[in-house]
Amino acid sequence: ASLCRPRFPRCGDCPLVSVCLFRARGREGRSSVRPQPAFEGSTRQVRGAVVRALSQQGPLSMRALSRAIDGGAAGVQEATDALTREGLVERTVAGAFRLRE
């Protein structure tokens, strides 16, 4: 795999060049870098902010989380729902969110 790279194939050094489908189809090297969506304003950013707030401040209500995070109430709700489903966050008896121990 160190010779056959999508971005910079080294066909001249490859012992399989005579049976290579990539080469037989006339393909050439290409960039395999996929653009990543912007982080600013993303769900990833809100999720990280929720985890950070809970780790720094302890259990917080939805209202307190929404105030602590500039991600909008809907974004914070979506993030806490996902983090709860994934087992990273849990609700206390009082209804606050906290990091799962």
N, C-alpha and C. Protein backbone atom coordinates (compact mmCIF):
# COMPACT_ATOMS: atom_id res chain seq x y z
N ALA A 1 0.82 -1.21 0.00
CA ALA A 1 0.00 0.00 0.00
C ALA A 1 0.85 1.26 0.00
N SER A 2 2.16 1.10 0.20
CA SER A 2 2.99 2.31 0.19
C SER A 2 3.30 2.78 -1.23
N LEU A 3 3.08 1.95 -2.22
CA LEU A 3 3.29 2.36 -3.62
C LEU A 3 2.01 2.84 -4.26
N CYS A 4 0.92 2.18 -3.99
CA CYS A 4 -0.35 2.46 -4.65
C CYS A 4 -1.14 3.46 -3.81
N ARG A 5 -1.00 4.72 -4.12
CA ARG A 5 -1.68 5.78 -3.40
C ARG A 5 -2.53 6.55 -4.39
N PRO A 6 -3.79 6.82 -4.08
CA PRO A 6 -4.65 7.54 -5.03
C PRO A 6 -4.10 8.89 -5.46
N ARG A 7 -3.46 9.58 -4.56
CA ARG A 7 -2.97 10.92 -4.88
C ARG A 7 -1.68 10.88 -5.70
N PHE A 8 -0.77 9.99 -5.32
CA PHE A 8 0.52 9.88 -6.00
C PHE A 8 0.86 8.41 -6.26
N PRO A 9 0.21 7.77 -7.23
CA PRO A 9 0.55 6.37 -7.50
C PRO A 9 1.97 6.27 -8.04
N ARG A 10 2.68 5.23 -7.63
CA ARG A 10 4.05 4.99 -8.11
C ARG A 10 4.04 3.73 -8.95
N CYS A 11 3.34 3.78 -10.06
CA CYS A 11 3.14 2.62 -10.93
C CYS A 11 4.46 2.04 -11.44
N GLY A 12 5.44 2.89 -11.72
CA GLY A 12 6.71 2.42 -12.24
C GLY A 12 7.47 1.54 -11.26
N ASP A 13 7.19 1.68 -9.97
CA ASP A 13 7.88 0.90 -8.94
C ASP A 13 7.06 -0.31 -8.47
N CYS A 14 5.84 -0.44 -8.97
CA CYS A 14 4.92 -1.46 -8.46
C CYS A 14 5.10 -2.80 -9.19
N PRO A 15 5.21 -3.90 -8.43
CA PRO A 15 5.35 -5.21 -9.06
C PRO A 15 4.03 -5.72 -9.67
N LEU A 16 2.92 -5.06 -9.39
CA LEU A 16 1.62 -5.50 -9.90
C LEU A 16 1.12 -4.65 -11.06
N VAL A 17 1.96 -3.80 -11.61
CA VAL A 17 1.54 -2.87 -12.66
C VAL A 17 0.92 -3.59 -13.85
N SER A 18 1.38 -4.80 -14.17
CA SER A 18 0.86 -5.51 -15.35
C SER A 18 -0.57 -6.03 -15.14
N VAL A 19 -1.03 -6.14 -13.90
CA VAL A 19 -2.38 -6.64 -13.63
C VAL A 19 -3.24 -5.61 -12.88
N CYS A 20 -2.79 -4.38 -12.85
CA CYS A 20 -3.46 -3.34 -12.07
C CYS A 20 -4.70 -2.82 -12.79
N LEU A 21 -5.85 -2.91 -12.14
CA LEU A 21 -7.10 -2.42 -12.72
C LEU A 21 -7.12 -0.90 -12.80
N PHE A 22 -6.56 -0.25 -11.82
CA PHE A 22 -6.50 1.21 -11.81
C PHE A 22 -5.79 1.70 -13.08
N ARG A 23 -4.67 1.13 -13.34
CA ARG A 23 -3.87 1.50 -14.51
C ARG A 23 -4.55 1.06 -15.81
N ALA A 24 -5.13 -0.16 -15.83
CA ALA A 24 -5.79 -0.68 -17.03
C ALA A 24 -6.97 0.19 -17.45
N ARG A 25 -7.61 0.83 -16.49
CA ARG A 25 -8.76 1.70 -16.80
C ARG A 25 -8.32 3.11 -17.18
N GLY A 26 -7.02 3.30 -17.28
CA GLY A 26 -6.51 4.59 -17.71
C GLY A 26 -6.60 5.69 -16.67
N ARG A 27 -6.75 5.30 -15.43
CA ARG A 27 -6.87 6.30 -14.38
C ARG A 27 -5.52 6.85 -13.99
N GLU A 28 -5.54 8.05 -13.49
CA GLU A 28 -4.33 8.72 -13.03
C GLU A 28 -4.52 9.13 -11.58
N GLY A 29 -3.44 9.56 -10.99
CA GLY A 29 -3.51 10.00 -9.60
C GLY A 29 -4.49 11.14 -9.43
N ARG A 30 -5.10 11.20 -8.28
CA ARG A 30 -6.07 12.26 -7.98
C ARG A 30 -5.99 12.59 -6.51
N SER A 31 -6.47 13.72 -6.17
CA SER A 31 -6.52 14.12 -4.77
C SER A 31 -7.62 13.34 -4.09
N SER A 32 -7.31 12.73 -2.96
CA SER A 32 -8.31 11.97 -2.23
C SER A 32 -8.82 12.75 -1.02
N VAL A 33 -8.46 14.00 -0.93
CA VAL A 33 -8.87 14.82 0.20
C VAL A 33 -10.31 15.27 0.01
N ARG A 34 -11.15 14.91 0.95
CA ARG A 34 -12.55 15.35 0.91
C ARG A 34 -12.69 16.58 1.80
N PRO A 35 -13.36 17.59 1.33
CA PRO A 35 -13.50 18.79 2.16
C PRO A 35 -14.36 18.50 3.38
N GLN A 36 -13.92 18.97 4.50
CA GLN A 36 -14.67 18.80 5.73
C GLN A 36 -15.59 19.99 5.91
N PRO A 37 -16.82 19.76 6.36
CA PRO A 37 -17.74 20.89 6.57
C PRO A 37 -17.15 21.87 7.59
N ALA A 38 -17.58 23.10 7.50
CA ALA A 38 -17.09 24.14 8.40
C ALA A 38 -17.41 23.77 9.85
N PHE A 39 -16.49 24.07 10.75
CA PHE A 39 -16.68 23.77 12.16
C PHE A 39 -17.55 24.83 12.82
N GLU A 40 -17.34 26.07 12.47
CA GLU A 40 -18.07 27.19 13.07
C GLU A 40 -19.57 27.02 12.84
N GLY A 41 -20.32 26.94 13.93
CA GLY A 41 -21.77 26.81 13.83
C GLY A 41 -22.26 25.39 13.59
N SER A 42 -21.35 24.42 13.59
CA SER A 42 -21.73 23.04 13.29
C SER A 42 -22.24 22.32 14.53
N THR A 43 -22.86 21.18 14.30
CA THR A 43 -23.31 20.32 15.40
C THR A 43 -22.11 19.88 16.22
N ARG A 44 -20.98 19.60 15.55
CA ARG A 44 -19.76 19.20 16.28
C ARG A 44 -19.34 20.28 17.26
N GLN A 45 -19.44 21.53 16.85
CA GLN A 45 -19.05 22.62 17.73
C GLN A 45 -19.97 22.69 18.96
N VAL A 46 -21.27 22.55 18.73
CA VAL A 46 -22.22 22.61 19.85
C VAL A 46 -22.02 21.42 20.78
N ARG A 47 -21.83 20.23 20.22
CA ARG A 47 -21.58 19.04 21.06
C ARG A 47 -20.35 19.24 21.93
N GLY A 48 -19.28 19.76 21.33
CA GLY A 48 -18.07 20.01 22.10
C GLY A 48 -18.29 21.03 23.21
N ALA A 49 -19.08 22.06 22.90
CA ALA A 49 -19.38 23.09 23.89
C ALA A 49 -20.22 22.52 25.04
N VAL A 50 -21.15 21.61 24.73
CA VAL A 50 -21.96 20.97 25.78
C VAL A 50 -21.06 20.16 26.70
N VAL A 51 -20.20 19.35 26.11
CA VAL A 51 -19.30 18.51 26.92
C VAL A 51 -18.38 19.39 27.76
N ARG A 52 -17.85 20.44 27.16
CA ARG A 52 -16.95 21.36 27.88
C ARG A 52 -17.69 22.03 29.05
N ALA A 53 -18.89 22.53 28.81
CA ALA A 53 -19.67 23.20 29.87
C ALA A 53 -19.97 22.23 31.01
N LEU A 54 -20.36 21.02 30.67
CA LEU A 54 -20.68 20.04 31.72
C LEU A 54 -19.44 19.62 32.49
N SER A 55 -18.31 19.53 31.81
CA SER A 55 -17.09 19.13 32.51
C SER A 55 -16.57 20.24 33.42
N GLN A 56 -16.80 21.49 33.04
CA GLN A 56 -16.31 22.62 33.82
C GLN A 56 -17.28 23.05 34.91
N GLN A 57 -18.59 22.92 34.64
CA GLN A 57 -19.58 23.47 35.56
C GLN A 57 -20.41 22.42 36.29
N GLY A 58 -20.29 21.17 35.89
CA GLY A 58 -21.10 20.13 36.52
C GLY A 58 -22.49 20.09 35.91
N PRO A 59 -23.43 19.42 36.59
CA PRO A 59 -24.78 19.27 36.03
C PRO A 59 -25.43 20.63 35.75
N LEU A 60 -26.08 20.72 34.58
CA LEU A 60 -26.75 21.95 34.18
C LEU A 60 -28.11 21.63 33.57
N SER A 61 -29.07 22.51 33.81
CA SER A 61 -30.38 22.38 33.17
C SER A 61 -30.26 22.76 31.70
N MET A 62 -31.28 22.44 30.93
CA MET A 62 -31.29 22.81 29.51
C MET A 62 -31.18 24.33 29.37
N ARG A 63 -31.87 25.06 30.20
CA ARG A 63 -31.83 26.53 30.15
C ARG A 63 -30.42 27.04 30.44
N ALA A 64 -29.78 26.49 31.47
CA ALA A 64 -28.43 26.92 31.83
C ALA A 64 -27.44 26.55 30.73
N LEU A 65 -27.60 25.38 30.13
CA LEU A 65 -26.73 24.97 29.02
C LEU A 65 -26.91 25.92 27.83
N SER A 66 -28.15 26.24 27.50
CA SER A 66 -28.42 27.14 26.38
C SER A 66 -27.82 28.51 26.60
N ARG A 67 -27.85 28.98 27.86
CA ARG A 67 -27.24 30.28 28.17
C ARG A 67 -25.72 30.19 28.09
N ALA A 68 -25.16 29.08 28.53
CA ALA A 68 -23.70 28.92 28.56
C ALA A 68 -23.11 28.73 27.17
N ILE A 69 -23.94 28.24 26.24
CA ILE A 69 -23.46 27.90 24.90
C ILE A 69 -24.18 28.77 23.89
N ASP A 70 -23.41 29.37 23.03
CA ASP A 70 -24.00 30.20 21.98
C ASP A 70 -24.28 29.32 20.76
N GLY A 71 -25.21 28.36 20.93
CA GLY A 71 -25.54 27.46 19.83
C GLY A 71 -27.03 27.40 19.58
N GLY A 72 -27.78 28.23 20.29
CA GLY A 72 -29.23 28.22 20.15
C GLY A 72 -29.83 27.05 20.88
N ALA A 73 -31.02 27.24 21.39
CA ALA A 73 -31.69 26.20 22.19
C ALA A 73 -31.92 24.93 21.38
N ALA A 74 -32.29 25.08 20.10
CA ALA A 74 -32.54 23.89 19.28
C ALA A 74 -31.26 23.10 19.06
N GLY A 75 -30.15 23.79 18.83
CA GLY A 75 -28.87 23.12 18.64
C GLY A 75 -28.40 22.41 19.90
N VAL A 76 -28.62 23.05 21.05
CA VAL A 76 -28.23 22.45 22.33
C VAL A 76 -29.11 21.23 22.60
N GLN A 77 -30.40 21.32 22.29
CA GLN A 77 -31.31 20.19 22.47
C GLN A 77 -30.87 19.01 21.59
N GLU A 78 -30.56 19.30 20.34
CA GLU A 78 -30.11 18.25 19.42
C GLU A 78 -28.82 17.60 19.92
N ALA A 79 -27.89 18.42 20.40
CA ALA A 79 -26.61 17.91 20.89
C ALA A 79 -26.80 17.06 22.13
N THR A 80 -27.61 17.52 23.08
CA THR A 80 -27.82 16.74 24.31
C THR A 80 -28.57 15.44 24.01
N ASP A 81 -29.51 15.47 23.08
CA ASP A 81 -30.21 14.23 22.68
C ASP A 81 -29.22 13.21 22.13
N ALA A 82 -28.35 13.66 21.23
CA ALA A 82 -27.37 12.76 20.61
C ALA A 82 -26.38 12.25 21.65
N LEU A 83 -25.87 13.14 22.48
CA LEU A 83 -24.90 12.73 23.50
C LEU A 83 -25.52 11.77 24.52
N THR A 84 -26.80 11.95 24.81
CA THR A 84 -27.50 11.04 25.71
C THR A 84 -27.66 9.67 25.07
N ARG A 85 -28.08 9.64 23.79
CA ARG A 85 -28.21 8.36 23.07
C ARG A 85 -26.89 7.60 23.01
N GLU A 86 -25.80 8.35 22.88
CA GLU A 86 -24.48 7.75 22.77
C GLU A 86 -23.88 7.37 24.12
N GLY A 87 -24.56 7.73 25.20
CA GLY A 87 -24.10 7.35 26.52
C GLY A 87 -23.03 8.25 27.12
N LEU A 88 -22.81 9.42 26.55
CA LEU A 88 -21.80 10.34 27.07
C LEU A 88 -22.38 11.28 28.12
N VAL A 89 -23.66 11.55 27.99
CA VAL A 89 -24.36 12.48 28.88
C VAL A 89 -25.59 11.75 29.42
N GLU A 90 -25.95 12.08 30.65
CA GLU A 90 -27.18 11.51 31.23
C GLU A 90 -27.94 12.60 31.96
N ARG A 91 -29.23 12.33 32.19
CA ARG A 91 -30.07 13.27 32.93
C ARG A 91 -30.10 12.86 34.38
N THR A 92 -30.06 13.85 35.24
CA THR A 92 -30.17 13.58 36.67
C THR A 92 -31.64 13.42 37.03
N VAL A 93 -31.91 13.02 38.24
CA VAL A 93 -33.30 12.89 38.72
C VAL A 93 -34.01 14.23 38.64
N ALA A 94 -33.27 15.31 38.85
CA ALA A 94 -33.84 16.66 38.80
C ALA A 94 -34.01 17.17 37.37
N GLY A 95 -33.54 16.41 36.38
CA GLY A 95 -33.71 16.80 35.00
C GLY A 95 -32.53 17.54 34.39
N ALA A 96 -31.47 17.75 35.16
CA ALA A 96 -30.28 18.41 34.65
C ALA A 96 -29.45 17.41 33.83
N PHE A 97 -28.56 17.93 33.02
CA PHE A 97 -27.66 17.08 32.25
C PHE A 97 -26.31 17.05 32.95
N ARG A 98 -25.66 15.89 32.87
CA ARG A 98 -24.31 15.76 33.40
C ARG A 98 -23.54 14.75 32.57
N LEU A 99 -22.23 14.80 32.66
CA LEU A 99 -21.41 13.81 31.98
C LEU A 99 -21.59 12.48 32.68
N ARG A 100 -21.68 11.45 31.91
CA ARG A 100 -21.86 10.12 32.47
C ARG A 100 -20.55 9.69 33.12
N GLU A 101 -20.67 9.08 34.26
CA GLU A 101 -19.46 8.62 34.99
C GLU A 101 -19.04 7.26 34.56
